Amino acid sequence: MSRERLVSPEVISQEEESFNLTLRPSKFDEYVGQKKVVEKLSIALQAARQRGESLEHALFFGPPGLGKTTLAYIIANSMGSKITTTSGPALERTGDLMGILTNLGEGDILFIDEIHRLPANIEEFLYPAMEDYKVDFVVDKGMFAKTINVPLKRFTLIGATTRAGSLSAPLRNRFGLSYHLEFYSAEDLRKIIRRSAGILKAQLDEGGATEIARRARGTPRIANRLLRRVRDYADVKAGGALNATVASDALKLEGVDDHGLDDLDRNFLSTIIRIYNGGPVGVEAIAATLNEEVDTLVDMVEPYLLQQGFVSRTKSGRKANEPAYRLLNLPMPGAVPRTLFE
């Protein structure tokens, strides 16, 4: 069962993606958060420009919605290069990739999202392109088959993945630069929300920004989505004034609590505690109980719950922690009242 969740870190519609483009920063000066990554990237870019070279191939990994695509566009803008975007699942045949590679100019950027989902034949075809800037293309079949060596312009491949562990070692080792993107602090999310509100000309005060930021699960994409919903509510219910009370009421109506959790998150925790006595329990069992896909729980639900300490992963499965019991107003296991027979 698939569902559109307000707090999902994934893009939930093409219309949302188009909207996000209007909010996307175009240079590092406008980019909020990921300070270490930005600093390292800025140095690498400046060094490449000084030497008149293209940037080394770069890999961004981390949870969805943290700005991997945005960084790719900023790199292209900083280098004055054209960027071509595609995704791992979209590249099914070597001919698909061949057409893209041969159209890249000197110093251009090729951005592949979900690069861990590249088919094996495409991945192997990519190796000589990354290393030697050439590809061997086979034409015809059987006894008439022949290999044509096609030189390429020097380009930069930027890969993005939410599952770095799923990348093959040969592919991972061909990236000269590798950066892990982390969840954002509430302070950085406040800055992002205030910037977005300015672009949208929304009447947002500091209290409203704080209420949205604390529910945004450390993810800019979610922060901007919540801002849109709160802005709609404010326009209809509060004359456009977007303060802390309005933001809190709007997000309560949407089912997002003070911790940024929705019904699926709470059901996930409740299942572990009520059905499986707090765990440990395998994620497959939780998925079956909730009638959800395992990938949905692993990719969309667990990362934030783990980061906030609501659950732990053990060798035996998932285990609920004390904050989860407090959230659901349930007693911790072992909290047995003292009796006269002790």
C-alpha atoms as a PDB file:
ATOM      1  CA  MET A   1       0.000   0.000   0.000  1.00  0.00           C
ATOM      2  CA  SER A   2       1.483   3.356  -1.034  1.00  0.00           C
ATOM      3  CA  ARG A   3       0.434   6.670   0.418  1.00  0.00           C
ATOM      4  CA  GLU A   4       1.322  10.324   0.108  1.00  0.00           C
ATOM      5  CA  ARG A   5       2.603  11.546   3.444  1.00  0.00           C
ATOM      6  CA  LEU A   6       3.027  15.191   4.332  1.00  0.00           C
ATOM      7  CA  VAL A   7       6.241  14.333   6.185  1.00  0.00           C
ATOM      8  CA  SER A   8       7.652  12.082   3.463  1.00  0.00           C
ATOM      9  CA  PRO A   9      11.181  13.149   2.447  1.00  0.00           C
ATOM     10  CA  GLU A  10      10.478  12.037  -1.133  1.00  0.00           C
ATOM     11  CA  VAL A  11       8.954  14.236  -3.845  1.00  0.00           C
ATOM     12  CA  ILE A  12       5.239  13.426  -3.783  1.00  0.00           C
ATOM     13  CA  SER A  13       4.226  15.062  -7.082  1.00  0.00           C
ATOM     14  CA  GLN A  14       5.684  16.650 -10.203  1.00  0.00           C
ATOM     15  CA  GLU A  15       3.908  19.862  -9.269  1.00  0.00           C
ATOM     16  CA  GLU A  16       5.805  19.919  -5.966  1.00  0.00           C
ATOM     17  CA  GLU A  17       9.116  19.372  -7.778  1.00  0.00           C
ATOM     18  CA  SER A  18       8.371  22.323 -10.077  1.00  0.00           C
ATOM     19  CA  PHE A  19       7.508  24.434  -7.046  1.00  0.00           C
ATOM     20  CA  ASN A  20      10.749  23.426  -5.294  1.00  0.00           C
ATOM     21  CA  LEU A  21      12.743  24.629  -8.308  1.00  0.00           C
ATOM     22  CA  THR A  22      11.587  28.186  -7.573  1.00  0.00           C
ATOM     23  CA  LEU A  23      12.934  27.897  -4.013  1.00  0.00           C
ATOM     24  CA  ARG A  24      16.236  26.183  -4.886  1.00  0.00           C
ATOM     25  CA  PRO A  25      19.364  28.283  -4.168  1.00  0.00           C
ATOM     26  CA  SER A  26      21.672  28.791  -7.146  1.00  0.00           C
ATOM     27  CA  LYS A  27      24.954  29.491  -5.327  1.00  0.00           C
ATOM     28  CA  PHE A  28      26.751  28.456  -2.164  1.00  0.00           C
ATOM     29  CA  ASP A  29      26.151  31.848  -0.520  1.00  0.00           C
ATOM     30  CA  GLU A  30      22.419  31.103  -0.518  1.00  0.00           C
ATOM     31  CA  TYR A  31      22.763  27.464   0.551  1.00  0.00           C
ATOM     32  CA  VAL A  32      21.947  26.877   4.233  1.00  0.00           C
ATOM     33  CA  GLY A  33      23.425  24.016   6.265  1.00  0.00           C
ATOM     34  CA  GLN A  34      25.848  21.161   5.469  1.00  0.00           C
ATOM     35  CA  LYS A  35      28.726  23.517   6.330  1.00  0.00           C
ATOM     36  CA  LYS A  36      31.511  20.935   6.125  1.00  0.00           C
ATOM     37  CA  VAL A  37      30.306  19.624   2.768  1.00  0.00           C
ATOM     38  CA  VAL A  38      29.950  23.135   1.357  1.00  0.00           C
ATOM     39  CA  GLU A  39      33.419  24.132   2.563  1.00  0.00           C
ATOM     40  CA  LYS A  40      35.085  21.051   1.060  1.00  0.00           C
ATOM     41  CA  LEU A  41      33.177  21.444  -2.196  1.00  0.00           C
ATOM     42  CA  SER A  42      34.040  25.129  -2.460  1.00  0.00           C
ATOM     43  CA  ILE A  43      37.748  24.331  -2.120  1.00  0.00           C
ATOM     44  CA  ALA A  44      37.553  21.540  -4.690  1.00  0.00           C
ATOM     45  CA  LEU A  45      35.696  23.792  -7.133  1.00  0.00           C
ATOM     46  CA  GLN A  46      38.097  26.696  -6.704  1.00  0.00           C
ATOM     47  CA  ALA A  47      41.097  24.394  -7.211  1.00  0.00           C
ATOM     48  CA  ALA A  48      39.539  22.920 -10.369  1.00  0.00           C
ATOM     49  CA  ARG A  49      38.827  26.399 -11.774  1.00  0.00           C
ATOM     50  CA  GLN A  50      42.360  27.583 -11.036  1.00  0.00           C
ATOM     51  CA  ARG A  51      43.797  24.599 -12.900  1.00  0.00           C
ATOM     52  CA  GLY A  52      41.295  24.940 -15.729  1.00  0.00           C
ATOM     53  CA  GLU A  53      40.070  21.395 -15.136  1.00  0.00           C
ATOM     54  CA  SER A  54      36.670  19.821 -14.678  1.00  0.00           C
ATOM     55  CA  LEU A  55      35.679  18.835 -11.147  1.00  0.00           C
ATOM     56  CA  GLU A  56      36.390  15.263 -10.060  1.00  0.00           C
ATOM     57  CA  HIS A  57      33.453  12.860 -10.117  1.00  0.00           C
ATOM     58  CA  ALA A  58      31.423  13.382  -6.929  1.00  0.00           C
ATOM     59  CA  LEU A  59      29.044  11.204  -4.922  1.00  0.00           C
ATOM     60  CA  PHE A  60      26.426  12.587  -2.519  1.00  0.00           C
ATOM     61  CA  PHE A  61      24.741  10.153  -0.160  1.00  0.00           C
ATOM     62  CA  GLY A  62      22.288  10.461   2.691  1.00  0.00           C
ATOM     63  CA  PRO A  63      18.534  10.477   3.364  1.00  0.00           C
ATOM     64  CA  PRO A  64      16.237  11.967   0.688  1.00  0.00           C
ATOM     65  CA  GLY A  65      15.255  15.633   0.703  1.00  0.00           C
ATOM     66  CA  LEU A  66      18.530  17.017   2.107  1.00  0.00           C
ATOM     67  CA  GLY A  67      19.750  18.881  -0.983  1.00  0.00           C
ATOM     68  CA  LYS A  68      21.791  16.457  -3.110  1.00  0.00           C
ATOM     69  CA  THR A  69      20.183  17.650  -6.358  1.00  0.00           C
ATOM     70  CA  THR A  70      20.479  21.279  -5.258  1.00  0.00           C
ATOM     71  CA  LEU A  71      24.217  20.874  -4.704  1.00  0.00           C
ATOM     72  CA  ALA A  72      24.606  19.388  -8.191  1.00  0.00           C
ATOM     73  CA  TYR A  73      22.929  22.447  -9.716  1.00  0.00           C
ATOM     74  CA  ILE A  74      25.054  24.814  -7.615  1.00  0.00           C
ATOM     75  CA  ILE A  75      28.209  23.025  -8.808  1.00  0.00           C
ATOM     76  CA  ALA A  76      27.103  23.393 -12.440  1.00  0.00           C
ATOM     77  CA  ASN A  77      26.330  27.069 -11.874  1.00  0.00           C
ATOM     78  CA  SER A  78      29.689  27.661 -10.145  1.00  0.00           C
ATOM     79  CA  MET A  79      31.570  25.981 -13.002  1.00  0.00           C
ATOM     80  CA  GLY A  80      29.517  27.741 -15.664  1.00  0.00           C
ATOM     81  CA  SER A  81      28.609  24.308 -17.030  1.00  0.00           C
ATOM     82  CA  LYS A  82      25.497  22.708 -18.484  1.00  0.00           C
ATOM     83  CA  ILE A  83      23.893  20.035 -16.318  1.00  0.00           C
ATOM     84  CA  THR A  84      22.106  16.965 -17.669  1.00  0.00           C
ATOM     85  CA  THR A  85      19.974  15.039 -15.176  1.00  0.00           C
ATOM     86  CA  THR A  86      18.726  11.464 -15.234  1.00  0.00           C
ATOM     87  CA  SER A  87      18.184   8.619 -12.771  1.00  0.00           C
ATOM     88  CA  GLY A  88      19.348   5.042 -12.330  1.00  0.00           C
ATOM     89  CA  PRO A  89      15.987   3.415 -13.162  1.00  0.00           C
ATOM     90  CA  ALA A  90      15.631   5.554 -16.332  1.00  0.00           C
ATOM     91  CA  LEU A  91      18.809   4.111 -17.888  1.00  0.00           C
ATOM     92  CA  GLU A  92      17.815   0.668 -19.131  1.00  0.00           C
ATOM     93  CA  ARG A  93      19.972   0.236 -22.264  1.00  0.00           C
ATOM     94  CA  THR A  94      23.534   1.232 -23.060  1.00  0.00           C
ATOM     95  CA  GLY A  95      22.162   3.234 -25.970  1.00  0.00           C
ATOM     96  CA  ASP A  96      20.281   5.456 -23.484  1.00  0.00           C
ATOM     97  CA  LEU A  97      23.519   6.358 -21.727  1.00  0.00           C
ATOM     98  CA  MET A  98      25.504   6.563 -24.974  1.00  0.00           C
ATOM     99  CA  GLY A  99      23.229   9.317 -26.278  1.00  0.00           C
ATOM    100  CA  ILE A 100      23.631  11.331 -23.068  1.00  0.00           C
ATOM    101  CA  LEU A 101      27.428  10.941 -22.844  1.00  0.00           C
ATOM    102  CA  THR A 102      28.146  11.914 -26.452  1.00  0.00           C
ATOM    103  CA  ASN A 103      26.091  15.105 -26.064  1.00  0.00           C
ATOM    104  CA  LEU A 104      28.076  16.311 -23.040  1.00  0.00           C
ATOM    105  CA  GLY A 105      30.412  19.231 -23.678  1.00  0.00           C
ATOM    106  CA  GLU A 106      33.775  19.964 -22.080  1.00  0.00           C
ATOM    107  CA  GLY A 107      33.341  20.384 -18.321  1.00  0.00           C
ATOM    108  CA  ASP A 108      29.604  19.584 -18.373  1.00  0.00           C
ATOM    109  CA  ILE A 109      27.842  17.878 -15.462  1.00  0.00           C
ATOM    110  CA  LEU A 110      25.982  14.570 -15.661  1.00  0.00           C
ATOM    111  CA  PHE A 111      23.778  14.103 -12.594  1.00  0.00           C
ATOM    112  CA  ILE A 112      22.432  10.598 -11.924  1.00  0.00           C
ATOM    113  CA  ASP A 113      19.919  10.374  -9.105  1.00  0.00           C
ATOM    114  CA  GLU A 114      19.293   7.006  -7.401  1.00  0.00           C
ATOM    115  CA  ILE A 115      22.586   5.845  -8.878  1.00  0.00           C
ATOM    116  CA  HIS A 116      22.455   2.691  -6.745  1.00  0.00           C
ATOM    117  CA  ARG A 117      19.640   1.492  -9.025  1.00  0.00           C
ATOM    118  CA  LEU A 118      21.748   1.473 -12.206  1.00  0.00           C
ATOM    119  CA  PRO A 119      21.495  -1.856 -14.068  1.00  0.00           C
ATOM    120  CA  ALA A 120      24.743  -3.873 -14.028  1.00  0.00           C
ATOM    121  CA  ASN A 121      25.316  -3.487 -17.788  1.00  0.00           C
ATOM    122  CA  ILE A 122      24.937   0.314 -17.582  1.00  0.00           C
ATOM    123  CA  GLU A 123      27.277   0.482 -14.601  1.00  0.00           C
ATOM    124  CA  GLU A 124      30.005  -1.455 -16.438  1.00  0.00           C
ATOM    125  CA  PHE A 125      29.510   0.726 -19.527  1.00  0.00           C
ATOM    126  CA  LEU A 126      30.070   3.775 -17.312  1.00  0.00           C
ATOM    127  CA  TYR A 127      33.470   2.707 -15.934  1.00  0.00           C
ATOM    128  CA  PRO A 128      35.662   3.626 -18.964  1.00  0.00           C
ATOM    129  CA  ALA A 129      33.627   6.818 -19.420  1.00  0.00           C
ATOM    130  CA  MET A 130      34.495   7.895 -15.878  1.00  0.00           C
ATOM    131  CA  GLU A 131      38.128   6.796 -15.984  1.00  0.00           C
ATOM    132  CA  ASP A 132      39.319   7.392 -19.544  1.00  0.00           C
ATOM    133  CA  TYR A 133      36.544   9.550 -21.030  1.00  0.00           C
ATOM    134  CA  LYS A 134      35.795   7.035 -23.745  1.00  0.00           C
ATOM    135  CA  VAL A 135      33.317   4.233 -24.327  1.00  0.00           C
ATOM    136  CA  ASP A 136      33.344   1.088 -26.415  1.00  0.00           C
ATOM    137  CA  PHE A 137      30.090   0.764 -28.316  1.00  0.00           C
ATOM    138  CA  VAL A 138      29.176  -2.528 -29.958  1.00  0.00           C
ATOM    139  CA  VAL A 139      27.232  -2.345 -33.217  1.00  0.00           C
ATOM    140  CA  ASP A 140      25.575  -5.234 -35.082  1.00  0.00           C
ATOM    141  CA  LYS A 141      25.446  -8.763 -33.702  1.00  0.00           C
ATOM    142  CA  GLY A 142      27.062 -12.156 -34.121  1.00  0.00           C
ATOM    143  CA  MET A 143      29.812 -12.460 -36.766  1.00  0.00           C
ATOM    144  CA  PHE A 144      29.072  -8.905 -37.988  1.00  0.00           C
ATOM    145  CA  ALA A 145      29.556  -7.334 -34.557  1.00  0.00           C
ATOM    146  CA  LYS A 146      32.244  -4.700 -34.219  1.00  0.00           C
ATOM    147  CA  THR A 147      33.360  -2.401 -31.457  1.00  0.00           C
ATOM    148  CA  ILE A 148      33.619   1.336 -32.016  1.00  0.00           C
ATOM    149  CA  ASN A 149      35.774   3.353 -29.613  1.00  0.00           C
ATOM    150  CA  VAL A 150      34.044   6.678 -28.982  1.00  0.00           C
ATOM    151  CA  PRO A 151      36.022   9.487 -27.257  1.00  0.00           C
ATOM    152  CA  LEU A 152      34.136  11.757 -24.851  1.00  0.00           C
ATOM    153  CA  LYS A 153      34.650  15.299 -23.620  1.00  0.00           C
ATOM    154  CA  ARG A 154      35.935  15.597 -20.053  1.00  0.00           C
ATOM    155  CA  PHE A 155      32.818  15.738 -17.914  1.00  0.00           C
ATOM    156  CA  THR A 156      31.936  15.453 -14.226  1.00  0.00           C
ATOM    157  CA  LEU A 157      29.602  12.707 -13.048  1.00  0.00           C
ATOM    158  CA  ILE A 158      27.661  13.544  -9.900  1.00  0.00           C
ATOM    159  CA  GLY A 159      25.833  10.614  -8.340  1.00  0.00           C
ATOM    160  CA  ALA A 160      23.200  10.819  -5.618  1.00  0.00           C
ATOM    161  CA  THR A 161      21.982   7.914  -3.531  1.00  0.00           C
ATOM    162  CA  THR A 162      20.030   7.254  -0.373  1.00  0.00           C
ATOM    163  CA  ARG A 163      21.696   3.834  -0.114  1.00  0.00           C
ATOM    164  CA  ALA A 164      25.462   4.155  -0.348  1.00  0.00           C
ATOM    165  CA  GLY A 165      25.812   0.580   0.906  1.00  0.00           C
ATOM    166  CA  SER A 166      23.993  -0.680  -2.182  1.00  0.00           C
ATOM    167  CA  LEU A 167      26.620   0.779  -4.531  1.00  0.00           C
ATOM    168  CA  SER A 168      29.109  -1.724  -5.913  1.00  0.00           C
ATOM    169  CA  ALA A 169      32.706  -1.204  -4.752  1.00  0.00           C
ATOM    170  CA  PRO A 170      34.034  -0.665  -8.336  1.00  0.00           C
ATOM    171  CA  LEU A 171      31.552   2.165  -8.933  1.00  0.00           C
ATOM    172  CA  ARG A 172      32.019   3.737  -5.516  1.00  0.00           C
ATOM    173  CA  ASN A 173      35.823   3.736  -5.918  1.00  0.00           C
ATOM    174  CA  ARG A 174      35.619   5.713  -9.162  1.00  0.00           C
ATOM    175  CA  PHE A 175      34.323   8.804  -7.376  1.00  0.00           C
ATOM    176  CA  GLY A 176      37.138  11.130  -6.348  1.00  0.00           C
ATOM    177  CA  LEU A 177      34.861  13.110  -4.030  1.00  0.00           C
ATOM    178  CA  SER A 178      32.362  11.560  -1.633  1.00  0.00           C
ATOM    179  CA  TYR A 179      30.132  13.516   0.749  1.00  0.00           C
ATOM    180  CA  HIS A 180      27.562  12.447   3.328  1.00  0.00           C
ATOM    181  CA  LEU A 181      24.626  14.820   3.860  1.00  0.00           C
ATOM    182  CA  GLU A 182      23.181  14.897   7.369  1.00  0.00           C
ATOM    183  CA  PHE A 183      19.834  15.953   8.816  1.00  0.00           C
ATOM    184  CA  TYR A 184      19.545  19.712   9.388  1.00  0.00           C
ATOM    185  CA  SER A 185      19.381  21.455  12.746  1.00  0.00           C
ATOM    186  CA  ALA A 186      16.222  23.347  13.720  1.00  0.00           C
ATOM    187  CA  GLU A 187      18.162  26.608  13.416  1.00  0.00           C
ATOM    188  CA  ASP A 188      19.212  25.888   9.823  1.00  0.00           C
ATOM    189  CA  LEU A 189      15.650  24.842   8.964  1.00  0.00           C
ATOM    190  CA  ARG A 190      14.371  28.131  10.379  1.00  0.00           C
ATOM    191  CA  LYS A 191      16.702  30.005   8.029  1.00  0.00           C
ATOM    192  CA  ILE A 192      15.529  27.939   5.063  1.00  0.00           C
ATOM    193  CA  ILE A 193      11.861  28.504   5.964  1.00  0.00           C
ATOM    194  CA  ARG A 194      12.366  32.259   6.364  1.00  0.00           C
ATOM    195  CA  ARG A 195      14.141  32.418   2.994  1.00  0.00           C
ATOM    196  CA  SER A 196      11.364  30.416   1.294  1.00  0.00           C
ATOM    197  CA  ALA A 197       8.685  32.565   2.941  1.00  0.00           C
ATOM    198  CA  GLY A 198      10.416  35.655   1.582  1.00  0.00           C
ATOM    199  CA  ILE A 199      10.331  34.249  -1.946  1.00  0.00           C
ATOM    200  CA  LEU A 200       6.660  33.313  -1.505  1.00  0.00           C
ATOM    201  CA  LYS A 201       5.898  36.719   0.069  1.00  0.00           C
ATOM    202  CA  ALA A 202       4.294  34.973   3.061  1.00  0.00           C
ATOM    203  CA  GLN A 203       3.697  36.925   6.299  1.00  0.00           C
ATOM    204  CA  LEU A 204       5.798  34.601   8.455  1.00  0.00           C
ATOM    205  CA  ASP A 205       7.151  35.621  11.849  1.00  0.00           C
ATOM    206  CA  GLU A 206       9.894  33.944  13.893  1.00  0.00           C
ATOM    207  CA  GLY A 207       7.417  31.966  15.987  1.00  0.00           C
ATOM    208  CA  GLY A 208       5.764  30.527  12.901  1.00  0.00           C
ATOM    209  CA  ALA A 209       9.145  29.564  11.422  1.00  0.00           C
ATOM    210  CA  THR A 210      10.104  27.843  14.682  1.00  0.00           C
ATOM    211  CA  GLU A 211       6.873  25.802  14.805  1.00  0.00           C
ATOM    212  CA  ILE A 212       7.366  24.595  11.228  1.00  0.00           C
ATOM    213  CA  ALA A 213      11.088  23.894  11.707  1.00  0.00           C
ATOM    214  CA  ARG A 214      10.579  21.671  14.764  1.00  0.00           C
ATOM    215  CA  ARG A 215       8.170  19.477  12.783  1.00  0.00           C
ATOM    216  CA  ALA A 216      10.219  19.300   9.567  1.00  0.00           C
ATOM    217  CA  ARG A 217      12.206  16.180  10.572  1.00  0.00           C
ATOM    218  CA  GLY A 218      15.544  17.804   9.802  1.00  0.00           C
ATOM    219  CA  THR A 219      14.675  17.895   6.076  1.00  0.00           C
ATOM    220  CA  PRO A 220      14.415  21.055   3.912  1.00  0.00           C
ATOM    221  CA  ARG A 221      12.018  19.433   1.432  1.00  0.00           C
ATOM    222  CA  ILE A 222       9.576  18.670   4.251  1.00  0.00           C
ATOM    223  CA  ALA A 223      10.047  22.167   5.702  1.00  0.00           C
ATOM    224  CA  ASN A 224       9.056  23.784   2.405  1.00  0.00           C
ATOM    225  CA  ARG A 225       6.070  21.436   2.025  1.00  0.00           C
ATOM    226  CA  LEU A 226       4.833  22.237   5.547  1.00  0.00           C
ATOM    227  CA  LEU A 227       5.301  25.952   4.835  1.00  0.00           C
ATOM    228  CA  ARG A 228       3.010  25.677   1.810  1.00  0.00           C
ATOM    229  CA  ARG A 229       0.279  23.930   3.820  1.00  0.00           C
ATOM    230  CA  VAL A 230       0.555  26.421   6.676  1.00  0.00           C
ATOM    231  CA  ARG A 231       0.456  29.336   4.221  1.00  0.00           C
ATOM    232  CA  ASP A 232      -2.790  27.962   2.717  1.00  0.00           C
ATOM    233  CA  TYR A 233      -4.297  27.619   6.190  1.00  0.00           C
ATOM    234  CA  ALA A 234      -3.178  31.131   7.167  1.00  0.00           C
ATOM    235  CA  ASP A 235      -4.644  32.680   4.015  1.00  0.00           C
ATOM    236  CA  VAL A 236      -8.046  31.098   4.688  1.00  0.00           C
ATOM    237  CA  LYS A 237      -8.234  31.144   8.500  1.00  0.00           C
ATOM    238  CA  ALA A 238      -5.956  33.964   9.675  1.00  0.00           C
ATOM    239  CA  GLY A 239      -5.891  36.647   7.006  1.00  0.00           C
ATOM    240  CA  GLY A 240      -2.462  35.525   5.853  1.00  0.00           C
ATOM    241  CA  ALA A 241      -0.731  36.083   9.204  1.00  0.00           C
ATOM    242  CA  LEU A 242       1.548  33.122   9.781  1.00  0.00           C
ATOM    243  CA  ASN A 243       2.501  32.996  13.456  1.00  0.00           C
ATOM    244  CA  ALA A 244       3.230  30.202  15.929  1.00  0.00           C
ATOM    245  CA  THR A 245      -0.426  29.586  16.824  1.00  0.00           C
ATOM    246  CA  VAL A 246      -1.544  29.468  13.199  1.00  0.00           C
ATOM    247  CA  ALA A 247       1.324  27.144  12.250  1.00  0.00           C
ATOM    248  CA  SER A 248       0.579  24.828  15.189  1.00  0.00           C
ATOM    249  CA  ASP A 249      -3.150  24.693  14.385  1.00  0.00           C
ATOM    250  CA  ALA A 250      -2.518  24.082  10.685  1.00  0.00           C
ATOM    251  CA  LEU A 251      -0.110  21.215  11.259  1.00  0.00           C
ATOM    252  CA  LYS A 252      -2.292  19.686  13.967  1.00  0.00           C
ATOM    253  CA  LEU A 253      -5.094  19.614  11.385  1.00  0.00           C
ATOM    254  CA  GLU A 254      -2.704  17.819   8.997  1.00  0.00           C
ATOM    255  CA  GLY A 255      -1.925  15.180  11.646  1.00  0.00           C
ATOM    256  CA  VAL A 256       1.686  16.257  12.234  1.00  0.00           C
ATOM    257  CA  ASP A 257       2.561  16.370  15.939  1.00  0.00           C
ATOM    258  CA  ASP A 258       5.145  18.461  17.821  1.00  0.00           C
ATOM    259  CA  HIS A 259       7.880  15.955  16.974  1.00  0.00           C
ATOM    260  CA  GLY A 260       7.097  15.935  13.268  1.00  0.00           C
ATOM    261  CA  LEU A 261       5.535  12.467  13.455  1.00  0.00           C
ATOM    262  CA  ASP A 262       2.408  11.460  11.553  1.00  0.00           C
ATOM    263  CA  ASP A 263      -0.006   8.543  11.890  1.00  0.00           C
ATOM    264  CA  LEU A 264       2.309   6.065  10.155  1.00  0.00           C
ATOM    265  CA  ASP A 265       5.196   6.931  12.489  1.00  0.00           C
ATOM    266  CA  ARG A 266       3.020   6.577  15.563  1.00  0.00           C
ATOM    267  CA  ASN A 267       1.515   3.324  14.274  1.00  0.00           C
ATOM    268  CA  PHE A 268       5.037   2.009  13.656  1.00  0.00           C
ATOM    269  CA  LEU A 269       6.011   2.724  17.269  1.00  0.00           C
ATOM    270  CA  SER A 270       2.692   1.500  18.633  1.00  0.00           C
ATOM    271  CA  THR A 271       3.015  -1.785  16.740  1.00  0.00           C
ATOM    272  CA  ILE A 272       6.444  -2.481  18.211  1.00  0.00           C
ATOM    273  CA  ILE A 273       5.257  -1.689  21.729  1.00  0.00           C
ATOM    274  CA  ARG A 274       1.682  -3.024  21.822  1.00  0.00           C
ATOM    275  CA  ILE A 275       1.899  -5.988  19.431  1.00  0.00           C
ATOM    276  CA  TYR A 276       5.502  -7.066  19.923  1.00  0.00           C
ATOM    277  CA  ASN A 277       6.049  -5.993  23.555  1.00  0.00           C
ATOM    278  CA  GLY A 278       8.589  -3.325  22.669  1.00  0.00           C
ATOM    279  CA  GLY A 279      10.702  -5.597  20.468  1.00  0.00           C
ATOM    280  CA  PRO A 280      13.086  -6.631  19.227  1.00  0.00           C
ATOM    281  CA  VAL A 281      11.062  -7.473  16.125  1.00  0.00           C
ATOM    282  CA  GLY A 282      11.968  -7.825  12.457  1.00  0.00           C
ATOM    283  CA  VAL A 283      10.933  -5.043  10.085  1.00  0.00           C
ATOM    284  CA  GLU A 284       9.187  -7.626   7.877  1.00  0.00           C
ATOM    285  CA  ALA A 285       6.842  -8.478  10.742  1.00  0.00           C
ATOM    286  CA  ILE A 286       6.121  -4.792  11.383  1.00  0.00           C
ATOM    287  CA  ALA A 287       5.436  -4.236   7.672  1.00  0.00           C
ATOM    288  CA  ALA A 288       3.048  -7.181   7.564  1.00  0.00           C
ATOM    289  CA  THR A 289       1.177  -5.946  10.637  1.00  0.00           C
ATOM    290  CA  LEU A 290       0.854  -2.412   9.231  1.00  0.00           C
ATOM    291  CA  ASN A 291       0.132  -3.627   5.677  1.00  0.00           C
ATOM    292  CA  GLU A 292       3.017  -1.475   4.426  1.00  0.00           C
ATOM    293  CA  GLU A 293       5.962  -2.230   2.165  1.00  0.00           C
ATOM    294  CA  VAL A 294       9.271  -2.968   3.911  1.00  0.00           C
ATOM    295  CA  ASP A 295      11.079  -0.386   1.746  1.00  0.00           C
ATOM    296  CA  THR A 296       8.604   2.295   2.832  1.00  0.00           C
ATOM    297  CA  LEU A 297       9.383   1.650   6.498  1.00  0.00           C
ATOM    298  CA  VAL A 298      13.159   1.352   5.991  1.00  0.00           C
ATOM    299  CA  ASP A 299      13.542   4.395   3.731  1.00  0.00           C
ATOM    300  CA  MET A 300      10.747   6.726   4.832  1.00  0.00           C
ATOM    301  CA  VAL A 301       9.921   5.988   8.455  1.00  0.00           C
ATOM    302  CA  GLU A 302      12.901   4.534  10.286  1.00  0.00           C
ATOM    303  CA  PRO A 303      15.710   7.048   9.540  1.00  0.00           C
ATOM    304  CA  TYR A 304      14.111   9.900  11.483  1.00  0.00           C
ATOM    305  CA  LEU A 305      12.860   7.660  14.303  1.00  0.00           C
ATOM    306  CA  LEU A 306      16.365   6.229  14.677  1.00  0.00           C
ATOM    307  CA  GLN A 307      17.955   9.663  14.606  1.00  0.00           C
ATOM    308  CA  GLN A 308      15.570  10.942  17.290  1.00  0.00           C
ATOM    309  CA  GLY A 309      16.139   7.879  19.485  1.00  0.00           C
ATOM    310  CA  PHE A 310      12.579   6.532  19.360  1.00  0.00           C
ATOM    311  CA  VAL A 311      13.781   3.141  18.110  1.00  0.00           C
ATOM    312  CA  SER A 312      17.023   1.170  17.903  1.00  0.00           C
ATOM    313  CA  ARG A 313      18.216  -1.432  15.432  1.00  0.00           C
ATOM    314  CA  THR A 314      19.607  -4.547  17.041  1.00  0.00           C
ATOM    315  CA  LYS A 315      20.792  -7.866  15.613  1.00  0.00           C
ATOM    316  CA  SER A 316      17.428  -9.326  16.596  1.00  0.00           C
ATOM    317  CA  GLY A 317      15.341  -6.518  15.057  1.00  0.00           C
ATOM    318  CA  ARG A 318      13.796  -3.153  15.940  1.00  0.00           C
ATOM    319  CA  LYS A 319      13.368  -2.166  19.569  1.00  0.00           C
ATOM    320  CA  ALA A 320      11.356   0.713  21.022  1.00  0.00           C
ATOM    321  CA  ASN A 321      13.210   3.113  23.334  1.00  0.00           C
ATOM    322  CA  GLU A 322      12.005   5.156  26.292  1.00  0.00           C
ATOM    323  CA  PRO A 323      11.089   8.284  24.216  1.00  0.00           C
ATOM    324  CA  ALA A 324       8.629   6.143  22.223  1.00  0.00           C
ATOM    325  CA  TYR A 325       6.879   5.027  25.412  1.00  0.00           C
ATOM    326  CA  ARG A 326       6.709   8.628  26.637  1.00  0.00           C
ATOM    327  CA  LEU A 327       5.316   9.781  23.287  1.00  0.00           C
ATOM    328  CA  LEU A 328       2.522   7.185  23.420  1.00  0.00           C
ATOM    329  CA  ASN A 329       1.931   7.609  27.183  1.00  0.00           C
ATOM    330  CA  LEU A 330       2.766   3.985  27.882  1.00  0.00           C
ATOM    331  CA  PRO A 331       4.747   2.525  30.816  1.00  0.00           C
ATOM    332  CA  MET A 332       8.206   1.114  30.136  1.00  0.00           C
ATOM    333  CA  PRO A 333       8.555  -2.681  30.431  1.00  0.00           C
ATOM    334  CA  GLY A 334       9.727  -3.656  33.878  1.00  0.00           C
ATOM    335  CA  ALA A 335       8.161  -0.592  35.500  1.00  0.00           C
ATOM    336  CA  VAL A 336       6.273  -2.830  37.934  1.00  0.00           C
ATOM    337  CA  PRO A 337       4.827  -1.224  41.085  1.00  0.00           C
ATOM    338  CA  ARG A 338       6.531  -2.219  44.288  1.00  0.00           C
ATOM    339  CA  THR A 339       4.538  -4.721  46.362  1.00  0.00           C
ATOM    340  CA  LEU A 340       4.463  -5.837  49.975  1.00  0.00           C
ATOM    341  CA  PHE A 341       5.904  -9.212  48.945  1.00  0.00           C
ATOM    342  CA  GLU A 342       9.259  -7.900  47.719  1.00  0.00           C
END
